[in-house]
């Protein structure tokens, strides 16, 4: 075991205040245990009080855990949610006493987790909008996931549930690359190491001393067990998304995660929660298709507009990416898959950075109050209620409209750097950049078009007057 005396200035473990939360074993374990207690209590209360009145279960899972804590931390410190996740926390102890078998090949597929998320959450969210508002449904889902996780942790080694089955496992691994932190080791201290304590401490069978050379933290969940085992482990502050400006072993599931999540969140929401609230909502193809199916099949029990907004967002996004990358591959004299999986990392900022606009806006207008009031309800304090931090019509909230355009610029910068990995003429690289960036450009155009439609045609009158006023004052946030 290395006993390091001096750390670099950008090493979080050497910054007194931050090191308490990221390296102090007692503090880390306390946070993990508190998260586990909240998780168990949220599930318990969901079964006890399954209706929507149970605000604690709803806002614990769908407000605090997802999306507030996860989105904010993924874009800053990285995958730290996985480090305190109850499933991963328990899994490390279960797998120690388990059978440690090899996970079957057909289950070693990172697409499993992301498809569970896309279908199990986003399809249901848009098609049956009231389903996840039920605390009972939420409790059932997390109970089933917990049972599945425990079984896989017990039977199979190397935290296979987190790597392949967890609905957010591939997502957090993929979007971890946008953050401004990187876990690795001090080379000078590792040269003479013969014990490999950091690797032995890792439940995921990873070797932290190889991360820097690979320019990838692989499946590291930032549980910080390795840093407790060896002082040579560091957790440094780096330039945001710095790993994306250099070569590393690409992963197809990560790139498809970016494409699918961009389609599921910013694109679908622009269709359904944005353009569909204008006076020309019935002109859009998803609304026309929904109207046809409602009249033909009497689908009054589901939100057909939301469902087809979701389907068209997926179709448009995948189609645009394939078209752009196909042309780019020809220009770069490269295979389509190599082109897609090399350049597709430029799509990361669209969701993470672009999504912060809506998330931060919502935090001030309702998420903060929802979470606090949910916790007050969960712990029996019902005579106190907190108000929103801001009303939707306050103009200072417009500052968050800048984020989607920052995401676009950031995506273009990543793509411009990664297109240089191909050995072709500068002219071909420029043309390839234009076509490969088609999804980013589509996202930019959609934001600009949405603003134009609201200003030109106005807001569709509904019973939600607060939404109408908000859209008139601030159409970009939708």
Protein backbone atom coordinates (compact mmCIF):
# COMPACT_ATOMS: atom_id res chain seq x y z
CA UNK A 1 0.00 0.00 0.00
CA UNK A 2 1.31 3.40 -1.05
CA UNK A 3 1.40 6.12 1.57
CA UNK A 4 1.30 9.34 -0.44
CA UNK A 5 2.36 12.55 1.29
CA UNK A 6 1.73 15.24 -1.32
CA UNK A 7 -1.11 15.63 -3.80
CA UNK A 8 -1.49 17.82 -6.87
CA UNK A 9 -3.42 21.05 -6.48
CA UNK A 10 -6.23 19.81 -8.72
CA UNK A 11 -6.64 16.55 -6.77
CA UNK A 12 -10.00 16.64 -4.99
CA UNK A 13 -8.63 14.26 -2.34
CA UNK A 14 -6.19 17.02 -1.38
CA UNK A 15 -8.84 19.73 -1.04
CA UNK A 16 -9.95 19.61 2.64
CA UNK A 17 -13.66 20.38 2.22
CA UNK A 18 -14.24 18.18 -0.83
CA UNK A 19 -12.08 15.32 0.40
CA UNK A 20 -14.45 14.85 3.34
CA UNK A 21 -17.25 13.85 0.97
CA UNK A 22 -15.21 11.91 -1.57
CA UNK A 23 -12.44 10.21 0.41
CA UNK A 24 -13.33 10.06 4.10
CA UNK A 25 -14.51 6.47 4.45
CA UNK A 26 -16.85 7.21 7.35
CA UNK A 27 -18.57 10.07 5.52
CA UNK A 28 -18.86 8.08 2.28
CA UNK A 29 -20.38 5.09 4.11
CA UNK A 30 -22.75 7.40 6.00
CA UNK A 31 -24.02 8.91 2.75
CA UNK A 32 -24.43 5.45 1.24
CA UNK A 33 -26.38 4.22 4.29
CA UNK A 34 -28.61 7.32 4.37
CA UNK A 35 -29.38 6.84 0.67
CA UNK A 36 -30.22 3.19 1.31
CA UNK A 37 -32.52 4.14 4.22
CA UNK A 38 -34.32 6.73 2.06
CA UNK A 39 -34.64 4.17 -0.73
CA UNK A 40 -36.14 1.49 1.51
CA UNK A 41 -38.47 3.94 3.23
CA UNK A 42 -39.60 5.36 -0.11
CA UNK A 43 -40.51 1.90 -1.37
CA UNK A 44 -42.22 1.00 1.92
CA UNK A 45 -44.32 4.16 1.92
CA UNK A 46 -45.14 3.57 -1.74
CA UNK A 47 -46.78 0.26 -0.84
CA UNK A 48 -48.43 1.69 2.27
CA UNK A 49 -49.78 4.78 0.51
CA UNK A 50 -49.85 3.92 -3.20
CA UNK A 51 -51.85 6.88 -4.47
CA UNK A 52 -50.60 10.19 -5.82
CA UNK A 53 -51.12 11.88 -2.44
CA UNK A 54 -47.92 10.18 -1.28
CA UNK A 55 -45.61 12.92 -2.48
CA UNK A 56 -42.56 11.49 -0.72
CA UNK A 57 -42.12 8.36 -2.84
CA UNK A 58 -42.84 10.21 -6.08
CA UNK A 59 -40.46 13.10 -5.53
CA UNK A 60 -37.74 11.01 -3.88
CA UNK A 61 -37.32 8.83 -6.96
CA UNK A 62 -38.56 11.10 -9.75
CA UNK A 63 -37.45 14.42 -8.30
CA UNK A 64 -34.39 14.10 -6.07
CA UNK A 65 -32.69 10.95 -7.40
CA UNK A 66 -33.81 11.40 -10.99
CA UNK A 67 -33.48 13.85 -12.46
CA UNK A 68 -32.08 16.54 -10.14
CA UNK A 69 -29.16 14.81 -8.42
CA UNK A 70 -28.21 12.57 -11.32
CA UNK A 71 -28.25 15.14 -14.12
CA UNK A 72 -26.49 17.81 -12.06
CA UNK A 73 -23.74 15.47 -10.83
CA UNK A 74 -23.19 13.76 -14.19
CA UNK A 75 -22.42 17.11 -15.75
CA UNK A 76 -20.06 18.10 -12.94
CA UNK A 77 -18.42 15.41 -10.78
CA UNK A 78 -19.42 12.48 -12.96
CA UNK A 79 -20.87 9.12 -11.98
CA UNK A 80 -21.07 9.70 -8.23
CA UNK A 81 -24.73 8.69 -8.08
CA UNK A 82 -23.61 5.12 -8.84
CA UNK A 83 -21.20 5.40 -5.93
CA UNK A 84 -24.06 5.90 -3.45
CA UNK A 85 -26.73 3.85 -5.27
CA UNK A 86 -28.35 1.35 -2.87
CA UNK A 87 -28.16 -1.44 -5.45
CA UNK A 88 -24.44 -1.01 -5.99
CA UNK A 89 -23.78 -0.47 -2.29
CA UNK A 90 -25.52 -3.70 -1.30
CA UNK A 91 -24.26 -5.52 -4.35
CA UNK A 92 -20.63 -5.21 -3.30
CA UNK A 93 -21.37 -7.18 -0.12
CA UNK A 94 -23.73 -9.68 -1.74
CA UNK A 95 -21.28 -10.59 -4.49
CA UNK A 96 -18.52 -11.30 -1.96
CA UNK A 97 -20.52 -14.20 -0.60
CA UNK A 98 -22.15 -15.14 -3.91
CA UNK A 99 -21.38 -17.87 -6.41
CA UNK A 100 -19.21 -15.62 -8.59
CA UNK A 101 -20.24 -17.23 -11.86
CA UNK A 102 -19.65 -15.71 -15.27
CA UNK A 103 -22.68 -13.84 -16.56
CA UNK A 104 -24.12 -15.65 -19.63
CA UNK A 105 -22.97 -14.15 -22.92
CA UNK A 106 -26.49 -13.23 -24.03
CA UNK A 107 -26.85 -11.07 -20.92
CA UNK A 108 -23.49 -9.36 -21.38
CA UNK A 109 -25.17 -6.72 -23.46
CA UNK A 110 -25.08 -3.05 -22.44
CA UNK A 111 -28.13 -2.35 -24.57
CA UNK A 112 -30.32 -4.23 -22.07
CA UNK A 113 -30.19 -1.50 -19.45
CA UNK A 114 -30.71 1.41 -21.82
CA UNK A 115 -33.67 -0.30 -23.53
CA UNK A 116 -35.29 -0.92 -20.14
CA UNK A 117 -34.97 2.83 -19.53
CA UNK A 118 -36.23 3.87 -22.97
CA UNK A 119 -39.23 1.53 -22.98
CA UNK A 120 -39.95 1.08 -19.27
CA UNK A 121 -39.66 4.74 -18.37
CA UNK A 122 -39.86 7.07 -21.37
CA UNK A 123 -42.41 5.17 -23.48
CA UNK A 124 -44.63 4.74 -20.43
CA UNK A 125 -44.07 8.37 -19.37
CA UNK A 126 -45.29 9.79 -22.69
CA UNK A 127 -48.01 7.20 -23.40
CA UNK A 128 -49.47 6.80 -19.90
CA UNK A 129 -48.55 10.13 -18.23
CA UNK A 130 -50.25 9.28 -14.95
CA UNK A 131 -48.61 5.88 -14.49
CA UNK A 132 -45.43 6.96 -12.71
CA UNK A 133 -47.33 9.54 -10.66
CA UNK A 134 -48.60 6.56 -8.69
CA UNK A 135 -46.34 5.91 -5.73
CA UNK A 136 -47.55 2.32 -5.73
CA UNK A 137 -46.33 1.73 -9.30
CA UNK A 138 -43.01 3.34 -8.42
CA UNK A 139 -42.62 1.09 -5.38
CA UNK A 140 -43.44 -2.02 -7.40
CA UNK A 141 -40.90 -1.14 -10.08
CA UNK A 142 -38.05 -0.51 -7.66
CA UNK A 143 -38.91 -3.66 -5.69
CA UNK A 144 -38.70 -5.78 -8.85
CA UNK A 145 -35.43 -4.12 -9.85
CA UNK A 146 -34.03 -4.76 -6.37
CA UNK A 147 -34.97 -8.44 -6.45
CA UNK A 148 -33.40 -8.76 -9.89
CA UNK A 149 -30.27 -6.94 -8.74
CA UNK A 150 -29.85 -9.13 -5.63
CA UNK A 151 -30.17 -12.33 -7.70
CA UNK A 152 -27.62 -11.23 -10.27
CA UNK A 153 -25.22 -9.94 -7.62
CA UNK A 154 -25.43 -13.28 -5.81
CA UNK A 155 -25.02 -15.56 -8.82
CA UNK A 156 -22.59 -13.58 -10.96
CA UNK A 157 -19.28 -11.79 -10.40
CA UNK A 158 -17.87 -8.33 -11.15
CA UNK A 159 -21.05 -6.36 -10.41
CA UNK A 160 -22.64 -7.59 -13.64
CA UNK A 161 -26.01 -6.07 -12.79
CA UNK A 162 -24.54 -2.55 -12.76
CA UNK A 163 -22.68 -3.10 -16.01
CA UNK A 164 -25.40 -4.68 -18.13
CA UNK A 165 -28.87 -4.78 -16.56
CA UNK A 166 -29.28 -1.59 -14.53
CA UNK A 167 -31.51 0.89 -16.44
CA UNK A 168 -29.13 3.77 -15.68
CA UNK A 169 -25.87 1.82 -15.67
CA UNK A 170 -24.99 2.33 -19.33
CA UNK A 171 -26.45 5.84 -19.23
CA UNK A 172 -24.25 7.01 -16.36
CA UNK A 173 -21.18 5.31 -17.87
CA UNK A 174 -21.86 7.07 -21.16
CA UNK A 175 -22.56 10.56 -19.84
CA UNK A 176 -19.79 10.40 -17.24
CA UNK A 177 -17.43 11.56 -19.99
CA UNK A 178 -18.82 15.12 -19.99
CA UNK A 179 -17.80 15.84 -16.39
CA UNK A 180 -14.76 17.75 -15.16
CA UNK A 181 -13.28 14.99 -12.96
CA UNK A 182 -11.16 11.91 -13.63
CA UNK A 183 -10.09 9.12 -11.29
CA UNK A 184 -6.63 7.64 -11.82
CA UNK A 185 -3.37 7.11 -9.90
CA UNK A 186 -0.02 8.82 -9.42
CA UNK A 187 2.33 7.07 -11.86
CA UNK A 188 5.46 7.68 -9.82
CA UNK A 189 3.91 5.86 -6.87
CA UNK A 190 2.66 2.95 -8.95
CA UNK A 191 5.99 2.10 -10.61
CA UNK A 192 7.25 0.01 -7.73
CA UNK A 193 3.88 -1.25 -6.51
CA UNK A 194 3.66 -5.02 -6.09
CA UNK A 195 0.46 -5.32 -4.08
CA UNK A 196 -2.12 -3.74 -6.46
CA UNK A 197 -4.35 -2.81 -3.53
CA UNK A 198 -6.50 -0.45 -5.61
CA UNK A 199 -7.41 -3.23 -8.05
CA UNK A 200 -8.03 -5.74 -5.26
CA UNK A 201 -10.45 -3.30 -3.59
CA UNK A 202 -12.49 -2.83 -6.77
CA UNK A 203 -15.69 -4.89 -6.85
CA UNK A 204 -15.96 -4.22 -10.60
CA UNK A 205 -12.61 -5.93 -11.32
CA UNK A 206 -11.09 -2.71 -12.66
CA UNK A 207 -7.52 -1.44 -12.49
CA UNK A 208 -7.45 2.30 -11.67
CA UNK A 209 -3.76 2.56 -12.59
CA UNK A 210 -4.72 1.84 -16.25
CA UNK A 211 -7.42 4.52 -16.57
CA UNK A 212 -5.13 7.34 -17.61
CA UNK A 213 -3.40 5.30 -20.31
CA UNK A 214 -6.77 4.15 -21.67
CA UNK A 215 -8.22 7.67 -21.36
CA UNK A 216 -11.28 6.00 -19.88
CA UNK A 217 -12.60 5.14 -16.43
CA UNK A 218 -14.54 2.25 -17.97
CA UNK A 219 -17.21 0.99 -15.54
CA UNK A 220 -15.88 2.86 -12.50
CA UNK A 221 -18.83 3.92 -10.34
CA UNK A 222 -16.78 6.29 -8.15
CA UNK A 223 -17.58 4.28 -5.03
CA UNK A 224 -14.12 5.37 -3.78
CA UNK A 225 -13.19 1.95 -2.35
CA UNK A 226 -9.90 2.02 -4.25
CA UNK A 227 -8.92 5.37 -2.74
CA UNK A 228 -9.43 3.89 0.74
CA UNK A 229 -7.17 0.99 -0.16
CA UNK A 230 -4.30 3.03 -1.59
CA UNK A 231 -3.17 6.64 -1.21
CA UNK A 232 -1.79 6.72 -4.77
CA UNK A 233 -5.33 6.94 -6.18
CA UNK A 234 -6.33 10.46 -7.18
CA UNK A 235 -9.56 12.14 -8.22
CA UNK A 236 -8.57 15.17 -10.23
CA UNK A 237 -10.42 18.20 -11.56
CA UNK A 238 -9.89 18.36 -15.32
CA UNK A 239 -11.19 20.37 -18.23
CA UNK A 240 -14.86 19.47 -18.90
CA UNK A 241 -15.17 16.54 -21.33
CA UNK A 242 -11.37 16.54 -21.74
CA UNK A 243 -11.25 12.79 -22.42
CA UNK A 244 -13.40 13.32 -25.53
CA UNK A 245 -10.69 15.39 -27.19
CA UNK A 246 -8.36 12.39 -27.28
CA UNK A 247 -8.59 8.85 -28.58
CA UNK A 248 -9.97 5.99 -26.48
CA UNK A 249 -11.63 2.66 -27.09
CA UNK A 250 -15.13 3.55 -28.25
CA UNK A 251 -18.25 1.72 -27.15
CA UNK A 252 -21.25 1.34 -29.45
CA UNK A 253 -23.75 1.17 -26.57
CA UNK A 254 -22.54 4.51 -25.25
CA UNK A 255 -23.09 6.24 -28.60
CA UNK A 256 -26.54 4.73 -28.99
CA UNK A 257 -27.32 5.88 -25.47
CA UNK A 258 -26.61 9.45 -26.56
CA UNK A 259 -28.80 9.13 -29.64
CA UNK A 260 -31.72 7.48 -27.84
CA UNK A 261 -31.69 9.78 -24.81
CA UNK A 262 -31.51 12.88 -27.03
CA UNK A 263 -34.53 11.53 -28.90
CA UNK A 264 -36.41 10.58 -25.72
CA UNK A 265 -35.88 13.81 -23.80
CA UNK A 266 -35.07 17.08 -25.60
CA UNK A 267 -36.50 16.10 -29.01
CA UNK A 268 -39.70 14.45 -27.76
CA UNK A 269 -40.30 17.20 -25.21
CA UNK A 270 -39.87 19.83 -27.92
CA UNK A 271 -42.52 18.04 -29.96
CA UNK A 272 -44.98 17.17 -27.20
CA UNK A 273 -44.43 19.70 -24.39
CA UNK A 274 -43.37 22.49 -26.72
CA UNK A 275 -44.79 22.67 -30.23
CA UNK A 276 -47.92 20.80 -29.24
CA UNK A 277 -48.91 23.71 -26.99
CA UNK A 278 -49.11 26.16 -29.86
CA UNK A 279 -52.08 27.18 -31.99
CA UNK A 280 -50.82 25.08 -34.89
CA UNK A 281 -50.37 21.92 -32.84
CA UNK A 282 -52.80 19.97 -35.04
CA UNK A 283 -50.62 20.57 -38.12
CA UNK A 284 -47.69 18.50 -36.92
CA UNK A 285 -47.33 14.94 -38.12
CA UNK A 286 -47.39 13.39 -34.64
CA UNK A 287 -50.69 15.14 -33.87
CA UNK A 288 -52.21 14.10 -37.21
CA UNK A 289 -51.12 10.49 -36.69
CA UNK A 290 -52.46 10.50 -33.14
CA UNK A 291 -55.81 11.90 -34.31
CA UNK A 292 -56.07 9.20 -36.99
CA UNK A 293 -55.39 6.39 -34.52
CA UNK A 294 -57.77 7.81 -31.93
CA UNK A 295 -60.59 7.90 -34.46
CA UNK A 296 -59.75 4.50 -35.94
CA UNK A 297 -58.97 2.46 -32.85
CA UNK A 298 -60.67 4.45 -30.06
CA UNK A 299 -57.44 4.92 -28.06
CA UNK A 300 -58.92 7.36 -25.59
CA UNK A 301 -57.25 5.70 -22.61
CA UNK A 302 -53.73 6.69 -23.65
CA UNK A 303 -51.96 9.90 -24.61
CA UNK A 304 -51.63 9.19 -28.33
CA UNK A 305 -50.04 12.57 -29.04
CA UNK A 306 -47.35 11.87 -26.47
CA UNK A 307 -46.84 8.35 -27.80
CA UNK A 308 -46.44 9.43 -31.41
CA UNK A 309 -44.29 12.42 -30.44
CA UNK A 310 -42.01 9.83 -28.84
CA UNK A 311 -42.06 7.53 -31.87
CA UNK A 312 -41.42 10.31 -34.38
CA UNK A 313 -38.63 11.76 -32.23
CA UNK A 314 -36.92 8.37 -32.25
CA UNK A 315 -37.45 7.91 -35.99
CA UNK A 316 -36.26 11.42 -36.89
CA UNK A 317 -33.23 11.25 -34.61
CA UNK A 318 -32.06 7.81 -35.77
CA UNK A 319 -32.76 8.64 -39.42
CA UNK A 320 -30.91 11.96 -39.26
CA UNK A 321 -27.91 10.37 -37.54
CA UNK A 322 -27.67 7.50 -40.03
CA UNK A 323 -28.00 9.80 -43.04
CA UNK A 324 -25.40 12.26 -41.77
CA UNK A 325 -22.94 9.61 -40.63
CA UNK A 326 -23.30 7.63 -43.87
CA UNK A 327 -22.30 10.65 -45.95
CA UNK A 328 -19.55 11.50 -43.45
CA UNK A 329 -18.15 7.95 -43.64
CA UNK A 330 -17.82 8.25 -47.42
CA UNK A 331 -16.00 11.56 -47.09
CA UNK A 332 -13.71 10.19 -44.39
CA UNK A 333 -13.01 6.96 -46.32
CA UNK A 334 -14.15 5.04 -43.27
CA UNK A 335 -16.58 2.33 -42.27
CA UNK A 336 -20.01 3.61 -41.22
CA UNK A 337 -19.80 2.05 -37.76
CA UNK A 338 -16.31 3.41 -37.11
CA UNK A 339 -17.46 6.87 -38.18
CA UNK A 340 -20.59 6.72 -36.03
CA UNK A 341 -18.86 5.39 -32.93
CA UNK A 342 -15.96 7.82 -33.22
CA UNK A 343 -17.97 10.98 -33.90
CA UNK A 344 -21.17 10.11 -32.01
CA UNK A 345 -19.63 11.23 -28.71
CA UNK A 346 -20.28 14.80 -29.86
CA UNK A 347 -23.98 14.26 -29.05
CA UNK A 348 -23.32 14.13 -25.29
CA UNK A 349 -23.86 17.85 -24.49
CA UNK A 350 -27.30 18.01 -26.13
CA UNK A 351 -28.96 16.12 -23.31
CA UNK A 352 -26.69 16.83 -20.34
CA UNK A 353 -25.98 20.52 -20.90
CA UNK A 354 -29.11 21.31 -22.89
CA UNK A 355 -31.28 19.51 -20.37
CA UNK A 356 -29.90 21.63 -17.54
CA UNK A 357 -31.88 24.59 -18.89
CA UNK A 358 -35.23 22.96 -18.23
CA UNK A 359 -34.02 21.26 -15.05
CA UNK A 360 -32.64 24.39 -13.38
CA UNK A 361 -35.63 26.46 -14.47
CA UNK A 362 -37.93 23.82 -13.00
CA UNK A 363 -35.88 23.62 -9.81
CA UNK A 364 -36.76 27.22 -8.98
CA UNK A 365 -40.37 27.04 -10.18
CA UNK A 366 -41.45 23.73 -8.63
CA UNK A 367 -38.84 20.95 -8.14
CA UNK A 368 -37.39 22.45 -4.95
CA UNK A 369 -40.82 22.85 -3.36
CA UNK A 370 -41.94 19.42 -4.60
CA UNK A 371 -38.96 17.67 -3.00
CA UNK A 372 -39.06 19.56 0.30
CA UNK A 373 -42.84 19.20 0.66
CA UNK A 374 -42.51 15.54 -0.29
CA UNK A 375 -40.00 14.97 2.50
CA UNK A 376 -42.17 16.89 4.97
CA UNK A 377 -45.08 14.64 4.02
CA UNK A 378 -42.94 11.49 4.26
CA UNK A 379 -41.86 12.30 7.80
CA UNK A 380 -45.29 13.34 9.03
CA UNK A 381 -44.82 17.12 8.99
CA UNK A 382 -47.95 18.11 7.10
CA UNK A 383 -48.70 21.45 8.72
CA UNK A 384 -45.71 23.09 7.03
CA UNK A 385 -45.38 23.75 3.31
CA UNK A 386 -42.67 25.59 1.45
CA UNK A 387 -43.35 27.76 -1.59
CA UNK A 388 -41.59 27.75 -4.93
CA UNK A 389 -38.36 29.70 -5.09
CA UNK A 390 -39.62 31.66 -8.11
CA UNK A 391 -42.75 32.08 -10.21
CA UNK A 392 -42.72 31.01 -13.85
CA UNK A 393 -43.13 34.56 -15.12
CA UNK A 394 -39.99 35.99 -13.51
CA UNK A 395 -37.74 37.25 -16.29
CA UNK A 396 -34.44 36.41 -14.57
CA UNK A 397 -35.18 32.76 -15.30
CA UNK A 398 -34.46 33.51 -18.95
CA UNK A 399 -30.78 33.09 -18.14
CA UNK A 400 -31.29 29.33 -18.43
CA UNK A 401 -32.29 29.73 -22.09
CA UNK A 402 -28.58 30.04 -22.83
CA UNK A 403 -27.85 26.39 -21.97
CA UNK A 404 -29.26 24.72 -25.14
CA UNK A 405 -27.08 26.95 -27.30
CA UNK A 406 -24.06 26.25 -25.09
CA UNK A 407 -24.79 22.55 -25.63
CA UNK A 408 -24.79 23.05 -29.39
CA UNK A 409 -21.46 24.92 -29.38
CA UNK A 410 -19.94 22.31 -27.07
CA UNK A 411 -21.13 19.49 -29.30
CA UNK A 412 -19.68 21.18 -32.38
CA UNK A 413 -16.33 21.62 -30.60
CA UNK A 414 -16.15 17.94 -29.62
CA UNK A 415 -17.04 16.89 -33.15
CA UNK A 416 -14.48 19.27 -34.70
CA UNK A 417 -11.79 17.68 -32.55
CA UNK A 418 -12.82 14.08 -33.14
CA UNK A 419 -13.16 14.43 -36.92
CA UNK A 420 -9.41 15.12 -36.95
CA UNK A 421 -8.83 11.50 -35.95
CA UNK A 422 -9.40 10.61 -39.62
CA UNK A 423 -6.59 10.91 -42.13
CA UNK A 424 -8.20 12.80 -45.05
CA UNK A 425 -7.91 16.26 -46.54
CA UNK A 426 -9.08 19.33 -44.65
CA UNK A 427 -11.85 19.96 -47.18
CA UNK A 428 -13.29 16.47 -46.68
CA UNK A 429 -13.12 16.90 -42.91
CA UNK A 430 -15.14 20.12 -43.14
CA UNK A 431 -17.81 18.47 -45.28
CA UNK A 432 -17.84 15.40 -43.02
CA UNK A 433 -18.25 17.69 -40.01
CA UNK A 434 -21.33 19.29 -41.59
CA UNK A 435 -23.04 15.97 -42.22
CA UNK A 436 -21.91 14.23 -39.02
CA UNK A 437 -23.29 17.11 -36.94
CA UNK A 438 -26.78 16.69 -38.42
CA UNK A 439 -28.40 15.73 -35.08
CA UNK A 440 -26.80 18.70 -33.31
CA UNK A 441 -27.94 21.02 -36.10
CA UNK A 442 -31.43 19.51 -35.99
CA UNK A 443 -31.58 20.19 -32.25
CA UNK A 444 -30.46 23.78 -32.81
CA UNK A 445 -32.99 24.29 -35.58
CA UNK A 446 -35.75 22.79 -33.46
CA UNK A 447 -35.03 25.25 -30.64
CA UNK A 448 -35.07 28.21 -33.03
CA UNK A 449 -38.19 26.96 -34.80
CA UNK A 450 -40.03 26.50 -31.51
CA UNK A 451 -39.35 30.11 -30.55
CA UNK A 452 -40.55 31.25 -33.98
CA UNK A 453 -43.79 29.23 -33.77
CA UNK A 454 -44.70 30.56 -30.34
CA UNK A 455 -44.07 34.16 -31.35
CA UNK A 456 -45.86 33.82 -34.70
CA UNK A 457 -48.87 31.64 -33.88
CA UNK A 458 -49.23 32.03 -30.12
CA UNK A 459 -50.15 29.63 -27.35
CA UNK A 460 -53.04 27.20 -27.59
CA UNK A 461 -55.66 28.03 -24.97
CA UNK A 462 -55.99 25.31 -22.36
CA UNK A 463 -57.19 25.06 -18.81
CA UNK A 464 -53.59 25.46 -17.63
CA UNK A 465 -53.44 29.22 -17.61
CA UNK A 466 -50.11 29.31 -15.81
CA UNK A 467 -48.59 27.34 -18.67
CA UNK A 468 -50.02 29.73 -21.25
CA UNK A 469 -48.60 32.76 -19.47
CA UNK A 470 -45.24 31.07 -19.09
CA UNK A 471 -45.06 30.17 -22.77
CA UNK A 472 -45.89 33.70 -23.84
CA UNK A 473 -43.20 35.16 -21.64
CA UNK A 474 -40.61 32.45 -22.08
CA UNK A 475 -41.22 30.02 -24.97
CA UNK A 476 -37.64 28.76 -25.12
CA UNK A 477 -37.81 26.83 -21.87
CA UNK A 478 -40.17 24.35 -23.49
